Amino acid sequence: METSKSNNNVGKKLKMLRAEYDFTQEDIAKKLGITQQTYSKYEQNGNLSAKDIKKICEIYGISSDYLLGIEPKKSSKKITKTSYDIDYIVNEVISKLNKE
C-alpha cells in the first residue's frame, strides 16, 4: 500500500534527523509532550498528528514538505511564523490593538 510506504519513509526520516542532531528518542518525546514509547512508534510507522508534524518541523528547522517527502532537499533555514499560523495572527492583532 502506497500510504504505508510513505509513512515508513517519514519514520526513517525522523530517525535520521534525530541521529543527525544527536537527540535520543526521549529528548524528542519530551519536546513533543509525549512518551518515548509513542515517539518510538512514530519512527517505526511514520503515523503522526498534524500537531506533532508541526512541532517536529520547528525542532529541526525543516519544512513539512521535506519531512513528508514532497520536497527532496532539507532547507537550512529555520521555519518562521507564517500568515497561516493562527497564534501568530492573534498575537499580531493584539499587538496592533495595544499600540492604538
PDB file of N, CA and C in Angstrom:
ATOM      1  N   MET A   1       0.846  -1.189   0.000  1.00  0.00           N
ATOM      2  CA  MET A   1       0.000   0.000   0.000  1.00  0.00           C
ATOM      3  C   MET A   1       0.883   1.241   0.000  1.00  0.00           C
ATOM      4  N   GLU A   2       0.563   2.214  -0.823  1.00  0.00           N
ATOM      5  CA  GLU A   2       1.378   3.415  -1.001  1.00  0.00           C
ATOM      6  C   GLU A   2       1.483   4.241   0.278  1.00  0.00           C
ATOM      7  N   THR A   3       0.379   4.421   0.999  1.00  0.00           N
ATOM      8  CA  THR A   3       0.384   5.219   2.223  1.00  0.00           C
ATOM      9  C   THR A   3       1.316   4.606   3.258  1.00  0.00           C
ATOM     10  N   SER A   4       1.284   3.308   3.390  1.00  0.00           N
ATOM     11  CA  SER A   4       2.147   2.618   4.339  1.00  0.00           C
ATOM     12  C   SER A   4       3.618   2.853   4.011  1.00  0.00           C
ATOM     13  N   LYS A   5       3.958   2.768   2.737  1.00  0.00           N
ATOM     14  CA  LYS A   5       5.330   3.011   2.307  1.00  0.00           C
ATOM     15  C   LYS A   5       5.735   4.450   2.583  1.00  0.00           C
ATOM     16  N   SER A   6       4.849   5.375   2.304  1.00  0.00           N
ATOM     17  CA  SER A   6       5.098   6.793   2.553  1.00  0.00           C
ATOM     18  C   SER A   6       5.307   7.051   4.040  1.00  0.00           C
ATOM     19  N   ASN A   7       4.453   6.465   4.884  1.00  0.00           N
ATOM     20  CA  ASN A   7       4.594   6.630   6.328  1.00  0.00           C
ATOM     21  C   ASN A   7       5.909   6.053   6.826  1.00  0.00           C
ATOM     22  N   ASN A   8       6.312   4.920   6.257  1.00  0.00           N
ATOM     23  CA  ASN A   8       7.568   4.303   6.646  1.00  0.00           C
ATOM     24  C   ASN A   8       8.734   5.223   6.318  1.00  0.00           C
ATOM     25  N   ASN A   9       8.652   5.919   5.184  1.00  0.00           N
ATOM     26  CA  ASN A   9       9.700   6.874   4.816  1.00  0.00           C
ATOM     27  C   ASN A   9       9.762   8.025   5.804  1.00  0.00           C
ATOM     28  N   VAL A  10       8.610   8.468   6.300  1.00  0.00           N
ATOM     29  CA  VAL A  10       8.576   9.530   7.314  1.00  0.00           C
ATOM     30  C   VAL A  10       9.260   9.025   8.581  1.00  0.00           C
ATOM     31  N   GLY A  11       8.955   7.813   8.971  1.00  0.00           N
ATOM     32  CA  GLY A  11       9.591   7.227  10.151  1.00  0.00           C
ATOM     33  C   GLY A  11      11.101   7.156  10.015  1.00  0.00           C
ATOM     34  N   LYS A  12      11.573   6.747   8.847  1.00  0.00           N
ATOM     35  CA  LYS A  12      13.018   6.684   8.597  1.00  0.00           C
ATOM     36  C   LYS A  12      13.642   8.076   8.652  1.00  0.00           C
ATOM     37  N   LYS A  13      12.928   9.065   8.112  1.00  0.00           N
ATOM     38  CA  LYS A  13      13.443  10.428   8.128  1.00  0.00           C
ATOM     39  C   LYS A  13      13.517  10.954   9.565  1.00  0.00           C
ATOM     40  N   LEU A  14      12.513  10.624  10.386  1.00  0.00           N
ATOM     41  CA  LEU A  14      12.537  11.029  11.796  1.00  0.00           C
ATOM     42  C   LEU A  14      13.769  10.466  12.497  1.00  0.00           C
ATOM     43  N   LYS A  15      14.042   9.211  12.246  1.00  0.00           N
ATOM     44  CA  LYS A  15      15.197   8.556  12.868  1.00  0.00           C
ATOM     45  C   LYS A  15      16.503   9.197  12.382  1.00  0.00           C
ATOM     46  N   MET A  16      16.586   9.481  11.085  1.00  0.00           N
ATOM     47  CA  MET A  16      17.781  10.098  10.513  1.00  0.00           C
ATOM     48  C   MET A  16      18.021  11.490  11.113  1.00  0.00           C
ATOM     49  N   LEU A  17      16.952  12.284  11.198  1.00  0.00           N
ATOM     50  CA  LEU A  17      17.077  13.637  11.760  1.00  0.00           C
ATOM     51  C   LEU A  17      17.510  13.582  13.222  1.00  0.00           C
ATOM     52  N   ARG A  18      16.897  12.681  13.972  1.00  0.00           N
ATOM     53  CA  ARG A  18      17.234  12.557  15.395  1.00  0.00           C
ATOM     54  C   ARG A  18      18.702  12.203  15.570  1.00  0.00           C
ATOM     55  N   ALA A  19      19.188  11.282  14.745  1.00  0.00           N
ATOM     56  CA  ALA A  19      20.600  10.887  14.820  1.00  0.00           C
ATOM     57  C   ALA A  19      21.515  12.038  14.399  1.00  0.00           C
ATOM     58  N   GLU A  20      21.112  12.761  13.352  1.00  0.00           N
ATOM     59  CA  GLU A  20      21.900  13.888  12.853  1.00  0.00           C
ATOM     60  C   GLU A  20      22.093  14.962  13.929  1.00  0.00           C
ATOM     61  N   TYR A  21      21.057  15.190  14.721  1.00  0.00           N
ATOM     62  CA  TYR A  21      21.119  16.210  15.766  1.00  0.00           C
ATOM     63  C   TYR A  21      21.521  15.640  17.126  1.00  0.00           C
ATOM     64  N   ASP A  22      21.838  14.353  17.150  1.00  0.00           N
ATOM     65  CA  ASP A  22      22.301  13.673  18.357  1.00  0.00           C
ATOM     66  C   ASP A  22      21.288  13.750  19.499  1.00  0.00           C
ATOM     67  N   PHE A  23      20.007  13.575  19.154  1.00  0.00           N
ATOM     68  CA  PHE A  23      18.948  13.517  20.151  1.00  0.00           C
ATOM     69  C   PHE A  23      18.599  12.062  20.424  1.00  0.00           C
ATOM     70  N   THR A  24      18.125  11.794  21.617  1.00  0.00           N
ATOM     71  CA  THR A  24      17.576  10.476  21.920  1.00  0.00           C
ATOM     72  C   THR A  24      16.076  10.533  21.640  1.00  0.00           C
ATOM     73  N   GLN A  25      15.456   9.377  21.589  1.00  0.00           N
ATOM     74  CA  GLN A  25      14.007   9.354  21.438  1.00  0.00           C
ATOM     75  C   GLN A  25      13.353  10.069  22.617  1.00  0.00           C
ATOM     76  N   GLU A  26      13.901   9.900  23.793  1.00  0.00           N
ATOM     77  CA  GLU A  26      13.376  10.561  24.992  1.00  0.00           C
ATOM     78  C   GLU A  26      13.456  12.079  24.860  1.00  0.00           C
ATOM     79  N   ASP A  27      14.567  12.590  24.293  1.00  0.00           N
ATOM     80  CA  ASP A  27      14.710  14.042  24.093  1.00  0.00           C
ATOM     81  C   ASP A  27      13.574  14.595  23.238  1.00  0.00           C
ATOM     82  N   ILE A  28      13.327  13.943  22.111  1.00  0.00           N
ATOM     83  CA  ILE A  28      12.294  14.427  21.188  1.00  0.00           C
ATOM     84  C   ILE A  28      10.909  14.229  21.801  1.00  0.00           C
ATOM     85  N   ALA A  29      10.699  13.112  22.470  1.00  0.00           N
ATOM     86  CA  ALA A  29       9.402  12.857  23.103  1.00  0.00           C
ATOM     87  C   ALA A  29       9.070  13.952  24.113  1.00  0.00           C
ATOM     88  N   LYS A  30      10.057  14.369  24.894  1.00  0.00           N
ATOM     89  CA  LYS A  30       9.827  15.438  25.874  1.00  0.00           C
ATOM     90  C   LYS A  30       9.458  16.735  25.183  1.00  0.00           C
ATOM     91  N   LYS A  31      10.144  17.048  24.082  1.00  0.00           N
ATOM     92  CA  LYS A  31       9.847  18.278  23.343  1.00  0.00           C
ATOM     93  C   LYS A  31       8.435  18.249  22.760  1.00  0.00           C
ATOM     94  N   LEU A  32       7.952  17.047  22.419  1.00  0.00           N
ATOM     95  CA  LEU A  32       6.625  16.896  21.843  1.00  0.00           C
ATOM     96  C   LEU A  32       5.545  16.723  22.907  1.00  0.00           C
ATOM     97  N   GLY A  33       5.967  16.460  24.143  1.00  0.00           N
ATOM     98  CA  GLY A  33       5.000  16.240  25.214  1.00  0.00           C
ATOM     99  C   GLY A  33       4.327  14.878  25.136  1.00  0.00           C
ATOM    100  N   ILE A  34       5.081  13.886  24.648  1.00  0.00           N
ATOM    101  CA  ILE A  34       4.568  12.522  24.532  1.00  0.00           C
ATOM    102  C   ILE A  34       5.543  11.574  25.205  1.00  0.00           C
ATOM    103  N   THR A  35       5.184  10.312  25.292  1.00  0.00           N
ATOM    104  CA  THR A  35       6.092   9.323  25.882  1.00  0.00           C
ATOM    105  C   THR A  35       7.134   8.875  24.863  1.00  0.00           C
ATOM    106  N   GLN A  36       8.207   8.326  25.358  1.00  0.00           N
ATOM    107  CA  GLN A  36       9.245   7.788  24.479  1.00  0.00           C
ATOM    108  C   GLN A  36       8.680   6.641  23.650  1.00  0.00           C
ATOM    109  N   GLN A  37       7.795   5.844  24.243  1.00  0.00           N
ATOM    110  CA  GLN A  37       7.201   4.712  23.535  1.00  0.00           C
ATOM    111  C   GLN A  37       6.361   5.193  22.340  1.00  0.00           C
ATOM    112  N   THR A  38       5.616   6.272  22.541  1.00  0.00           N
ATOM    113  CA  THR A  38       4.820   6.826  21.444  1.00  0.00           C
ATOM    114  C   THR A  38       5.733   7.340  20.341  1.00  0.00           C
ATOM    115  N   TYR A  39       6.806   8.039  20.730  1.00  0.00           N
ATOM    116  CA  TYR A  39       7.733   8.542  19.709  1.00  0.00           C
ATOM    117  C   TYR A  39       8.386   7.384  18.957  1.00  0.00           C
ATOM    118  N   SER A  40       8.718   6.321  19.666  1.00  0.00           N
ATOM    119  CA  SER A  40       9.310   5.154  19.022  1.00  0.00           C
ATOM    120  C   SER A  40       8.385   4.611  17.933  1.00  0.00           C
ATOM    121  N   LYS A  41       7.088   4.620  18.207  1.00  0.00           N
ATOM    122  CA  LYS A  41       6.112   4.168  17.205  1.00  0.00           C
ATOM    123  C   LYS A  41       6.101   5.104  15.998  1.00  0.00           C
ATOM    124  N   TYR A  42       6.301   6.407  16.240  1.00  0.00           N
ATOM    125  CA  TYR A  42       6.384   7.351  15.125  1.00  0.00           C
ATOM    126  C   TYR A  42       7.518   6.954  14.183  1.00  0.00           C
ATOM    127  N   GLU A  43       8.670   6.608  14.769  1.00  0.00           N
ATOM    128  CA  GLU A  43       9.816   6.215  13.932  1.00  0.00           C
ATOM    129  C   GLU A  43       9.573   4.885  13.236  1.00  0.00           C
ATOM    130  N   GLN A  44       8.783   4.022  13.847  1.00  0.00           N
ATOM    131  CA  GLN A  44       8.509   2.714  13.249  1.00  0.00           C
ATOM    132  C   GLN A  44       7.498   2.788  12.120  1.00  0.00           C
ATOM    133  N   ASN A  45       6.420   3.589  12.333  1.00  0.00           N
ATOM    134  CA  ASN A  45       5.353   3.559  11.324  1.00  0.00           C
ATOM    135  C   ASN A  45       5.069   4.900  10.655  1.00  0.00           C
ATOM    136  N   GLY A  46       5.663   5.983  11.142  1.00  0.00           N
ATOM    137  CA  GLY A  46       5.507   7.287  10.494  1.00  0.00           C
ATOM    138  C   GLY A  46       4.138   7.925  10.623  1.00  0.00           C
ATOM    139  N   ASN A  47       3.266   7.370  11.456  1.00  0.00           N
ATOM    140  CA  ASN A  47       1.929   7.948  11.639  1.00  0.00           C
ATOM    141  C   ASN A  47       1.975   9.018  12.721  1.00  0.00           C
ATOM    142  N   LEU A  48       1.911  10.283  12.299  1.00  0.00           N
ATOM    143  CA  LEU A  48       1.962  11.409  13.231  1.00  0.00           C
ATOM    144  C   LEU A  48       0.742  12.291  13.054  1.00  0.00           C
ATOM    145  N   SER A  49       0.406  13.005  14.114  1.00  0.00           N
ATOM    146  CA  SER A  49      -0.655  14.001  14.006  1.00  0.00           C
ATOM    147  C   SER A  49      -0.091  15.248  13.328  1.00  0.00           C
ATOM    148  N   ALA A  50      -0.962  16.068  12.798  1.00  0.00           N
ATOM    149  CA  ALA A  50      -0.524  17.328  12.180  1.00  0.00           C
ATOM    150  C   ALA A  50       0.190  18.203  13.207  1.00  0.00           C
ATOM    151  N   LYS A  51      -0.296  18.188  14.432  1.00  0.00           N
ATOM    152  CA  LYS A  51       0.309  18.969  15.517  1.00  0.00           C
ATOM    153  C   LYS A  51       1.757  18.536  15.756  1.00  0.00           C
ATOM    154  N   ASP A  52       1.991  17.222  15.777  1.00  0.00           N
ATOM    155  CA  ASP A  52       3.347  16.737  16.002  1.00  0.00           C
ATOM    156  C   ASP A  52       4.244  16.954  14.792  1.00  0.00           C
ATOM    157  N   ILE A  53       3.686  16.896  13.596  1.00  0.00           N
ATOM    158  CA  ILE A  53       4.469  17.215  12.396  1.00  0.00           C
ATOM    159  C   ILE A  53       4.965  18.650  12.505  1.00  0.00           C
ATOM    160  N   LYS A  54       4.073  19.553  12.884  1.00  0.00           N
ATOM    161  CA  LYS A  54       4.437  20.965  13.013  1.00  0.00           C
ATOM    162  C   LYS A  54       5.546  21.144  14.056  1.00  0.00           C
ATOM    163  N   LYS A  55       5.390  20.505  15.215  1.00  0.00           N
ATOM    164  CA  LYS A  55       6.397  20.637  16.274  1.00  0.00           C
ATOM    165  C   LYS A  55       7.745  20.069  15.836  1.00  0.00           C
ATOM    166  N   ILE A  56       7.725  18.931  15.166  1.00  0.00           N
ATOM    167  CA  ILE A  56       8.974  18.324  14.701  1.00  0.00           C
ATOM    168  C   ILE A  56       9.669  19.232  13.698  1.00  0.00           C
ATOM    169  N   CYS A  57       8.905  19.824  12.808  1.00  0.00           N
ATOM    170  CA  CYS A  57       9.482  20.745  11.830  1.00  0.00           C
ATOM    171  C   CYS A  57      10.115  21.947  12.532  1.00  0.00           C
ATOM    172  N   GLU A  58       9.487  22.433  13.580  1.00  0.00           N
ATOM    173  CA  GLU A  58      10.054  23.551  14.340  1.00  0.00           C
ATOM    174  C   GLU A  58      11.331  23.138  15.068  1.00  0.00           C
ATOM    175  N   ILE A  59      11.341  21.951  15.629  1.00  0.00           N
ATOM    176  CA  ILE A  59      12.525  21.463  16.350  1.00  0.00           C
ATOM    177  C   ILE A  59      13.733  21.403  15.430  1.00  0.00           C
ATOM    178  N   TYR A  60      13.535  20.849  14.238  1.00  0.00           N
ATOM    179  CA  TYR A  60      14.647  20.648  13.313  1.00  0.00           C
ATOM    180  C   TYR A  60      14.836  21.789  12.312  1.00  0.00           C
ATOM    181  N   GLY A  61      13.922  22.726  12.273  1.00  0.00           N
ATOM    182  CA  GLY A  61      14.029  23.824  11.315  1.00  0.00           C
ATOM    183  C   GLY A  61      13.871  23.343   9.882  1.00  0.00           C
ATOM    184  N   ILE A  62      12.916  22.442   9.683  1.00  0.00           N
ATOM    185  CA  ILE A  62      12.666  21.892   8.348  1.00  0.00           C
ATOM    186  C   ILE A  62      11.226  22.183   7.944  1.00  0.00           C
ATOM    187  N   SER A  63      10.929  21.979   6.679  1.00  0.00           N
ATOM    188  CA  SER A  63       9.555  22.149   6.217  1.00  0.00           C
ATOM    189  C   SER A  63       8.818  20.818   6.328  1.00  0.00           C
ATOM    190  N   SER A  64       7.507  20.899   6.431  1.00  0.00           N
ATOM    191  CA  SER A  64       6.708  19.675   6.449  1.00  0.00           C
ATOM    192  C   SER A  64       6.824  18.960   5.101  1.00  0.00           C
ATOM    193  N   ASP A  65       7.009  19.728   4.033  1.00  0.00           N
ATOM    194  CA  ASP A  65       7.199  19.107   2.716  1.00  0.00           C
ATOM    195  C   ASP A  65       8.434  18.209   2.711  1.00  0.00           C
ATOM    196  N   TYR A  66       9.492  18.646   3.362  1.00  0.00           N
ATOM    197  CA  TYR A  66      10.699  17.812   3.443  1.00  0.00           C
ATOM    198  C   TYR A  66      10.425  16.566   4.283  1.00  0.00           C
ATOM    199  N   LEU A  67       9.811  16.757   5.446  1.00  0.00           N
ATOM    200  CA  LEU A  67       9.544  15.623   6.334  1.00  0.00           C
ATOM    201  C   LEU A  67       8.663  14.585   5.655  1.00  0.00           C
ATOM    202  N   LEU A  68       7.673  15.048   4.898  1.00  0.00           N
ATOM    203  CA  LEU A  68       6.730  14.143   4.256  1.00  0.00           C
ATOM    204  C   LEU A  68       7.214  13.619   2.909  1.00  0.00           C
ATOM    205  N   GLY A  69       8.396  14.044   2.469  1.00  0.00           N
ATOM    206  CA  GLY A  69       8.967  13.534   1.234  1.00  0.00           C
ATOM    207  C   GLY A  69       8.487  14.241  -0.021  1.00  0.00           C
ATOM    208  N   ILE A  70       7.835  15.378   0.137  1.00  0.00           N
ATOM    209  CA  ILE A  70       7.358  16.139  -1.019  1.00  0.00           C
ATOM    210  C   ILE A  70       8.503  16.951  -1.614  1.00  0.00           C
ATOM    211  N   GLU A  71       9.297  17.547  -0.759  1.00  0.00           N
ATOM    212  CA  GLU A  71      10.468  18.341  -1.156  1.00  0.00           C
ATOM    213  C   GLU A  71      11.714  17.511  -0.861  1.00  0.00           C
ATOM    214  N   PRO A  72      12.568  17.290  -1.864  1.00  0.00           N
ATOM    215  CA  PRO A  72      13.722  16.407  -1.653  1.00  0.00           C
ATOM    216  C   PRO A  72      14.864  17.005  -0.834  1.00  0.00           C
ATOM    217  N   LYS A  73      14.962  18.321  -0.782  1.00  0.00           N
ATOM    218  CA  LYS A  73      16.096  18.934  -0.100  1.00  0.00           C
ATOM    219  C   LYS A  73      15.677  19.527   1.240  1.00  0.00           C
ATOM    220  N   LYS A  74      16.552  19.362   2.207  1.00  0.00           N
ATOM    221  CA  LYS A  74      16.306  19.934   3.530  1.00  0.00           C
ATOM    222  C   LYS A  74      16.755  21.378   3.512  1.00  0.00           C
ATOM    223  N   SER A  75      15.884  22.261   3.922  1.00  0.00           N
ATOM    224  CA  SER A  75      16.221  23.672   3.996  1.00  0.00           C
ATOM    225  C   SER A  75      17.102  23.914   5.215  1.00  0.00           C
ATOM    226  N   SER A  76      18.098  24.755   5.049  1.00  0.00           N
ATOM    227  CA  SER A  76      18.950  25.093   6.186  1.00  0.00           C
ATOM    228  C   SER A  76      18.388  26.296   6.928  1.00  0.00           C
ATOM    229  N   LYS A  77      17.289  26.818   6.409  1.00  0.00           N
ATOM    230  CA  LYS A  77      16.674  27.995   7.003  1.00  0.00           C
ATOM    231  C   LYS A  77      15.652  27.568   8.048  1.00  0.00           C
ATOM    232  N   LYS A  78      15.650  28.254   9.171  1.00  0.00           N
ATOM    233  CA  LYS A  78      14.685  27.967  10.225  1.00  0.00           C
ATOM    234  C   LYS A  78      13.288  28.370   9.769  1.00  0.00           C
ATOM    235  N   ILE A  79      12.318  27.621  10.182  1.00  0.00           N
ATOM    236  CA  ILE A  79      10.931  27.922   9.877  1.00  0.00           C
ATOM    237  C   ILE A  79      10.509  29.149  10.678  1.00  0.00           C
ATOM    238  N   THR A  80       9.812  30.033  10.044  1.00  0.00           N
ATOM    239  CA  THR A  80       9.316  31.223  10.736  1.00  0.00           C
ATOM    240  C   THR A  80       7.803  31.171  10.771  1.00  0.00           C
ATOM    241  N   LYS A  81       7.244  32.007  11.593  1.00  0.00           N
ATOM    242  CA  LYS A  81       5.795  32.087  11.659  1.00  0.00           C
ATOM    243  C   LYS A  81       5.274  32.573  10.310  1.00  0.00           C
ATOM    244  N   THR A  82       4.170  32.025   9.886  1.00  0.00           N
ATOM    245  CA  THR A  82       3.571  32.437   8.616  1.00  0.00           C
ATOM    246  C   THR A  82       2.179  32.983   8.866  1.00  0.00           C
ATOM    247  N   SER A  83       1.616  33.541   7.849  1.00  0.00           N
ATOM    248  CA  SER A  83       0.270  34.097   7.974  1.00  0.00           C
ATOM    249  C   SER A  83      -0.765  33.008   8.229  1.00  0.00           C
ATOM    250  N   TYR A  84      -0.396  31.752   8.021  1.00  0.00           N
ATOM    251  CA  TYR A  84      -1.314  30.650   8.269  1.00  0.00           C
ATOM    252  C   TYR A  84      -1.310  30.207   9.723  1.00  0.00           C
ATOM    253  N   ASP A  85      -0.425  30.713  10.512  1.00  0.00           N
ATOM    254  CA  ASP A  85      -0.308  30.318  11.908  1.00  0.00           C
ATOM    255  C   ASP A  85      -1.247  31.179  12.748  1.00  0.00           C
ATOM    256  N   ILE A  86      -2.295  30.589  13.265  1.00  0.00           N
ATOM    257  CA  ILE A  86      -3.320  31.337  13.992  1.00  0.00           C
ATOM    258  C   ILE A  86      -2.759  32.051  15.214  1.00  0.00           C
ATOM    259  N   ASP A  87      -1.821  31.430  15.923  1.00  0.00           N
ATOM    260  CA  ASP A  87      -1.219  32.092  17.087  1.00  0.00           C
ATOM    261  C   ASP A  87      -0.513  33.373  16.660  1.00  0.00           C
ATOM    262  N   TYR A  88       0.167  33.320  15.546  1.00  0.00           N
ATOM    263  CA  TYR A  88       0.875  34.483  15.034  1.00  0.00           C
ATOM    264  C   TYR A  88      -0.121  35.598  14.691  1.00  0.00           C
ATOM    265  N   ILE A  89      -1.205  35.243  14.033  1.00  0.00           N
ATOM    266  CA  ILE A  89      -2.206  36.231  13.649  1.00  0.00           C
ATOM    267  C   ILE A  89      -2.820  36.877  14.889  1.00  0.00           C
ATOM    268  N   VAL A  90      -3.194  36.068  15.850  1.00  0.00           N
ATOM    269  CA  VAL A  90      -3.793  36.593  17.076  1.00  0.00           C
ATOM    270  C   VAL A  90      -2.825  37.532  17.784  1.00  0.00           C
ATOM    271  N   ASN A  91      -1.573  37.134  17.906  1.00  0.00           N
ATOM    272  CA  ASN A  91      -0.575  37.977  18.569  1.00  0.00           C
ATOM    273  C   ASN A  91      -0.354  39.290  17.821  1.00  0.00           C
ATOM    274  N   GLU A  92      -0.368  39.250  16.503  1.00  0.00           N
ATOM    275  CA  GLU A  92      -0.211  40.466  15.710  1.00  0.00           C
ATOM    276  C   GLU A  92      -1.391  41.416  15.920  1.00  0.00           C
ATOM    277  N   VAL A  93      -2.598  40.877  15.941  1.00  0.00           N
ATOM    278  CA  VAL A  93      -3.796  41.698  16.141  1.00  0.00           C
ATOM    279  C   VAL A  93      -3.758  42.339  17.535  1.00  0.00           C
ATOM    280  N   ILE A  94      -3.436  41.535  18.541  1.00  0.00           N
ATOM    281  CA  ILE A  94      -3.364  42.054  19.910  1.00  0.00           C
ATOM    282  C   ILE A  94      -2.305  43.130  20.016  1.00  0.00           C
ATOM    283  N   SER A  95      -1.172  42.901  19.404  1.00  0.00           N
ATOM    284  CA  SER A  95      -0.080  43.866  19.425  1.00  0.00           C
ATOM    285  C   SER A  95      -0.510  45.184  18.787  1.00  0.00           C
ATOM    286  N   LYS A  96      -1.196  45.111  17.659  1.00  0.00           N
ATOM    287  CA  LYS A  96      -1.652  46.326  16.969  1.00  0.00           C
ATOM    288  C   LYS A  96      -2.711  47.051  17.794  1.00  0.00           C
ATOM    289  N   LEU A  97      -3.603  46.303  18.423  1.00  0.00           N
ATOM    290  CA  LEU A  97      -4.638  46.921  19.260  1.00  0.00           C
ATOM    291  C   LEU A  97      -4.020  47.614  20.477  1.00  0.00           C
ATOM    292  N   ASN A  98      -2.988  47.019  21.037  1.00  0.00           N
ATOM    293  CA  ASN A  98      -2.324  47.617  22.195  1.00  0.00           C
ATOM    294  C   ASN A  98      -1.588  48.905  21.838  1.00  0.00           C
ATOM    295  N   LYS A  99      -1.172  49.031  20.589  1.00  0.00           N
ATOM    296  CA  LYS A  99      -0.456  50.225  20.149  1.00  0.00           C
ATOM    297  C   LYS A  99      -1.415  51.396  19.910  1.00  0.00           C
ATOM    298  N   GLU A 100      -2.673  51.083  19.660  1.00  0.00           N
ATOM    299  CA  GLU A 100      -3.660  52.136  19.358  1.00  0.00           C
ATOM    300  C   GLU A 100      -4.148  52.839  20.563  1.00  0.00           C
TER     301      GLU A 100
END
